[in-house]
């Protein structure tokens, strides 16, 4: 699959779309952290506060990764966040669905973004259209 990269720099359109996915994901991951905290508090689990802190850290990491999408390791961090979101299903089972949705958006943005970036490059190389 062209465009499905795990490390390296992305085209301008691709990194913008991936950053948008990560920014939106940060909000949902934070809400998931609140749910995990609520579940832990209701069950009188000692880890309830840890769930909130770790989930909040992952939400902040989403925002950081969105800012790093221009760099070579931004896309790698984005992949790790996608895996971490699915792994959060151990605490909050519906996070598996959230992880699948955002993981799917992530893959679509990488693949389609690459196609759009290539199309833009080919149009720029062709020069101005003749009338």
C-alpha atoms as a PDB file:
ATOM      1  CA  UNK A   1       0.000   0.000   0.000  1.00  0.00           C
ATOM      2  CA  UNK A   2       1.585   3.218  -1.155  1.00  0.00           C
ATOM      3  CA  UNK A   3       1.726   5.901   1.479  1.00  0.00           C
ATOM      4  CA  UNK A   4       1.457   3.581   4.474  1.00  0.00           C
ATOM      5  CA  UNK A   5       4.689   4.626   6.200  1.00  0.00           C
ATOM      6  CA  UNK A   6       5.911   4.002   9.724  1.00  0.00           C
ATOM      7  CA  UNK A   7       8.845   6.416   9.752  1.00  0.00           C
ATOM      8  CA  UNK A   8       9.849   9.381   7.667  1.00  0.00           C
ATOM      9  CA  UNK A   9       8.604  12.727   6.503  1.00  0.00           C
ATOM     10  CA  UNK A  10       5.182  13.122   5.015  1.00  0.00           C
ATOM     11  CA  UNK A  11       3.822  15.404   2.335  1.00  0.00           C
ATOM     12  CA  UNK A  12       2.221  18.652   3.414  1.00  0.00           C
ATOM     13  CA  UNK A  13      -1.381  17.509   2.940  1.00  0.00           C
ATOM     14  CA  UNK A  14      -0.700  14.127   4.581  1.00  0.00           C
ATOM     15  CA  UNK A  15       0.875  15.511   7.734  1.00  0.00           C
ATOM     16  CA  UNK A  16      -1.911  18.069   8.084  1.00  0.00           C
ATOM     17  CA  UNK A  17      -4.595  15.380   7.887  1.00  0.00           C
ATOM     18  CA  UNK A  18      -2.731  13.073  10.281  1.00  0.00           C
ATOM     19  CA  UNK A  19      -2.265  15.937  12.725  1.00  0.00           C
ATOM     20  CA  UNK A  20      -5.986  16.621  12.567  1.00  0.00           C
ATOM     21  CA  UNK A  21      -6.760  12.983  13.402  1.00  0.00           C
ATOM     22  CA  UNK A  22      -4.390  13.064  16.375  1.00  0.00           C
ATOM     23  CA  UNK A  23      -5.811  16.356  17.653  1.00  0.00           C
ATOM     24  CA  UNK A  24      -9.350  14.973  17.568  1.00  0.00           C
ATOM     25  CA  UNK A  25      -8.160  11.731  19.106  1.00  0.00           C
ATOM     26  CA  UNK A  26      -6.644  13.607  22.040  1.00  0.00           C
ATOM     27  CA  UNK A  27     -10.088  14.789  23.142  1.00  0.00           C
ATOM     28  CA  UNK A  28     -11.607  11.310  22.953  1.00  0.00           C
ATOM     29  CA  UNK A  29      -8.627   9.727  24.734  1.00  0.00           C
ATOM     30  CA  UNK A  30      -9.003  12.256  27.548  1.00  0.00           C
ATOM     31  CA  UNK A  31     -12.695  11.385  27.877  1.00  0.00           C
ATOM     32  CA  UNK A  32     -11.654   7.722  27.958  1.00  0.00           C
ATOM     33  CA  UNK A  33      -9.274   8.560  30.800  1.00  0.00           C
ATOM     34  CA  UNK A  34     -12.141  10.145  32.695  1.00  0.00           C
ATOM     35  CA  UNK A  35     -14.241   7.022  32.151  1.00  0.00           C
ATOM     36  CA  UNK A  36     -11.377   4.822  33.367  1.00  0.00           C
ATOM     37  CA  UNK A  37     -11.022   7.020  36.442  1.00  0.00           C
ATOM     38  CA  UNK A  38     -14.757   6.747  37.092  1.00  0.00           C
ATOM     39  CA  UNK A  39     -14.707   2.972  36.704  1.00  0.00           C
ATOM     40  CA  UNK A  40     -11.702   2.696  38.991  1.00  0.00           C
ATOM     41  CA  UNK A  41     -13.302   4.957  41.596  1.00  0.00           C
ATOM     42  CA  UNK A  42     -16.574   3.018  41.517  1.00  0.00           C
ATOM     43  CA  UNK A  43     -14.736  -0.265  41.983  1.00  0.00           C
ATOM     44  CA  UNK A  44     -12.610   1.268  44.741  1.00  0.00           C
ATOM     45  CA  UNK A  45      -9.509   0.345  42.758  1.00  0.00           C
ATOM     46  CA  UNK A  46      -6.301   1.910  43.970  1.00  0.00           C
ATOM     47  CA  UNK A  47      -5.281   2.582  40.377  1.00  0.00           C
ATOM     48  CA  UNK A  48      -8.133   4.993  39.581  1.00  0.00           C
ATOM     49  CA  UNK A  49      -5.901   8.052  39.827  1.00  0.00           C
ATOM     50  CA  UNK A  50      -3.204   6.330  37.788  1.00  0.00           C
ATOM     51  CA  UNK A  51      -5.766   5.652  35.038  1.00  0.00           C
ATOM     52  CA  UNK A  52      -6.568   9.354  34.916  1.00  0.00           C
ATOM     53  CA  UNK A  53      -2.918  10.441  34.861  1.00  0.00           C
ATOM     54  CA  UNK A  54      -1.834   7.918  32.241  1.00  0.00           C
ATOM     55  CA  UNK A  55      -4.846   8.628  30.039  1.00  0.00           C
ATOM     56  CA  UNK A  56      -4.263  12.360  30.325  1.00  0.00           C
ATOM     57  CA  UNK A  57      -0.594  11.856  29.435  1.00  0.00           C
ATOM     58  CA  UNK A  58      -1.606   9.914  26.320  1.00  0.00           C
ATOM     59  CA  UNK A  59      -4.029  12.711  25.381  1.00  0.00           C
ATOM     60  CA  UNK A  60      -1.207  15.251  25.720  1.00  0.00           C
ATOM     61  CA  UNK A  61       1.038  12.918  23.729  1.00  0.00           C
ATOM     62  CA  UNK A  62      -1.567  12.997  20.938  1.00  0.00           C
ATOM     63  CA  UNK A  63      -1.271  16.780  20.795  1.00  0.00           C
ATOM     64  CA  UNK A  64       2.541  16.585  20.857  1.00  0.00           C
ATOM     65  CA  UNK A  65       2.513  14.000  18.061  1.00  0.00           C
ATOM     66  CA  UNK A  66       0.200  16.231  16.032  1.00  0.00           C
ATOM     67  CA  UNK A  67       2.775  19.003  16.366  1.00  0.00           C
ATOM     68  CA  UNK A  68       5.589  16.648  15.379  1.00  0.00           C
ATOM     69  CA  UNK A  69       3.962  15.378  12.196  1.00  0.00           C
ATOM     70  CA  UNK A  70       6.352  17.480  10.099  1.00  0.00           C
ATOM     71  CA  UNK A  71       9.311  15.564  11.504  1.00  0.00           C
ATOM     72  CA  UNK A  72      10.523  12.102  10.554  1.00  0.00           C
ATOM     73  CA  UNK A  73       9.530  10.506  13.848  1.00  0.00           C
ATOM     74  CA  UNK A  74       6.100  12.132  14.139  1.00  0.00           C
ATOM     75  CA  UNK A  75       4.437   9.400  12.102  1.00  0.00           C
ATOM     76  CA  UNK A  76       6.076   6.725  14.266  1.00  0.00           C
ATOM     77  CA  UNK A  77       4.746   8.383  17.399  1.00  0.00           C
ATOM     78  CA  UNK A  78       1.332   8.519  15.742  1.00  0.00           C
ATOM     79  CA  UNK A  79       1.422   4.758  15.141  1.00  0.00           C
ATOM     80  CA  UNK A  80       2.389   4.153  18.774  1.00  0.00           C
ATOM     81  CA  UNK A  81      -0.561   6.251  19.899  1.00  0.00           C
ATOM     82  CA  UNK A  82      -2.884   4.187  17.717  1.00  0.00           C
ATOM     83  CA  UNK A  83      -1.597   0.989  19.324  1.00  0.00           C
ATOM     84  CA  UNK A  84      -1.853   2.528  22.790  1.00  0.00           C
ATOM     85  CA  UNK A  85      -5.443   3.569  22.188  1.00  0.00           C
ATOM     86  CA  UNK A  86      -6.421   0.014  21.286  1.00  0.00           C
ATOM     87  CA  UNK A  87      -4.459  -1.287  24.284  1.00  0.00           C
ATOM     88  CA  UNK A  88      -6.523   0.958  26.562  1.00  0.00           C
ATOM     89  CA  UNK A  89      -9.373  -1.489  25.957  1.00  0.00           C
ATOM     90  CA  UNK A  90      -7.946  -3.517  28.834  1.00  0.00           C
ATOM     91  CA  UNK A  91      -9.319  -0.872  31.210  1.00  0.00           C
ATOM     92  CA  UNK A  92     -12.226   0.571  29.164  1.00  0.00           C
ATOM     93  CA  UNK A  93     -13.458  -2.020  26.640  1.00  0.00           C
ATOM     94  CA  UNK A  94     -15.056   0.563  24.327  1.00  0.00           C
ATOM     95  CA  UNK A  95     -11.622   2.081  23.746  1.00  0.00           C
ATOM     96  CA  UNK A  96     -11.085  -0.812  21.334  1.00  0.00           C
ATOM     97  CA  UNK A  97     -13.817   0.681  19.153  1.00  0.00           C
ATOM     98  CA  UNK A  98     -12.308   4.145  19.531  1.00  0.00           C
ATOM     99  CA  UNK A  99      -8.909   2.732  18.598  1.00  0.00           C
ATOM    100  CA  UNK A 100     -10.313   1.003  15.537  1.00  0.00           C
ATOM    101  CA  UNK A 101     -12.114   4.134  14.367  1.00  0.00           C
ATOM    102  CA  UNK A 102      -9.135   6.438  14.802  1.00  0.00           C
ATOM    103  CA  UNK A 103      -6.733   3.783  13.526  1.00  0.00           C
ATOM    104  CA  UNK A 104      -8.842   3.516  10.395  1.00  0.00           C
ATOM    105  CA  UNK A 105      -8.879   7.291   9.996  1.00  0.00           C
ATOM    106  CA  UNK A 106      -5.105   7.279  10.503  1.00  0.00           C
ATOM    107  CA  UNK A 107      -4.551   4.726   7.730  1.00  0.00           C
ATOM    108  CA  UNK A 108      -6.954   6.498   5.356  1.00  0.00           C
ATOM    109  CA  UNK A 109      -5.180   9.820   5.962  1.00  0.00           C
ATOM    110  CA  UNK A 110      -1.790   8.257   5.289  1.00  0.00           C
ATOM    111  CA  UNK A 111      -2.841   6.471   2.102  1.00  0.00           C
ATOM    112  CA  UNK A 112      -5.126   9.116   0.606  1.00  0.00           C
ATOM    113  CA  UNK A 113      -2.905  11.957   1.763  1.00  0.00           C
ATOM    114  CA  UNK A 114       0.020  10.370  -0.076  1.00  0.00           C
ATOM    115  CA  UNK A 115      -2.092  10.153  -3.236  1.00  0.00           C
ATOM    116  CA  UNK A 116      -3.125  13.790  -2.964  1.00  0.00           C
ATOM    117  CA  UNK A 117       0.448  14.911  -2.316  1.00  0.00           C
ATOM    118  CA  UNK A 118       1.612  12.995  -5.412  1.00  0.00           C
ATOM    119  CA  UNK A 119      -1.175  14.549  -7.477  1.00  0.00           C
ATOM    120  CA  UNK A 120      -0.214  18.026  -6.286  1.00  0.00           C
ATOM    121  CA  UNK A 121       3.438  17.358  -7.147  1.00  0.00           C
ATOM    122  CA  UNK A 122       2.535  16.210 -10.644  1.00  0.00           C
ATOM    123  CA  UNK A 123       0.382  19.307 -11.222  1.00  0.00           C
ATOM    124  CA  UNK A 124       3.173  21.586 -10.022  1.00  0.00           C
ATOM    125  CA  UNK A 125       5.681  19.803 -12.263  1.00  0.00           C
ATOM    126  CA  UNK A 126       3.402  20.224 -15.275  1.00  0.00           C
ATOM    127  CA  UNK A 127       3.466  23.969 -14.805  1.00  0.00           C
ATOM    128  CA  UNK A 128       0.693  26.456 -15.356  1.00  0.00           C
ATOM    129  CA  UNK A 129      -2.193  25.266 -17.502  1.00  0.00           C
ATOM    130  CA  UNK A 130      -2.275  26.588 -21.007  1.00  0.00           C
ATOM    131  CA  UNK A 131      -5.424  28.353 -22.103  1.00  0.00           C
END
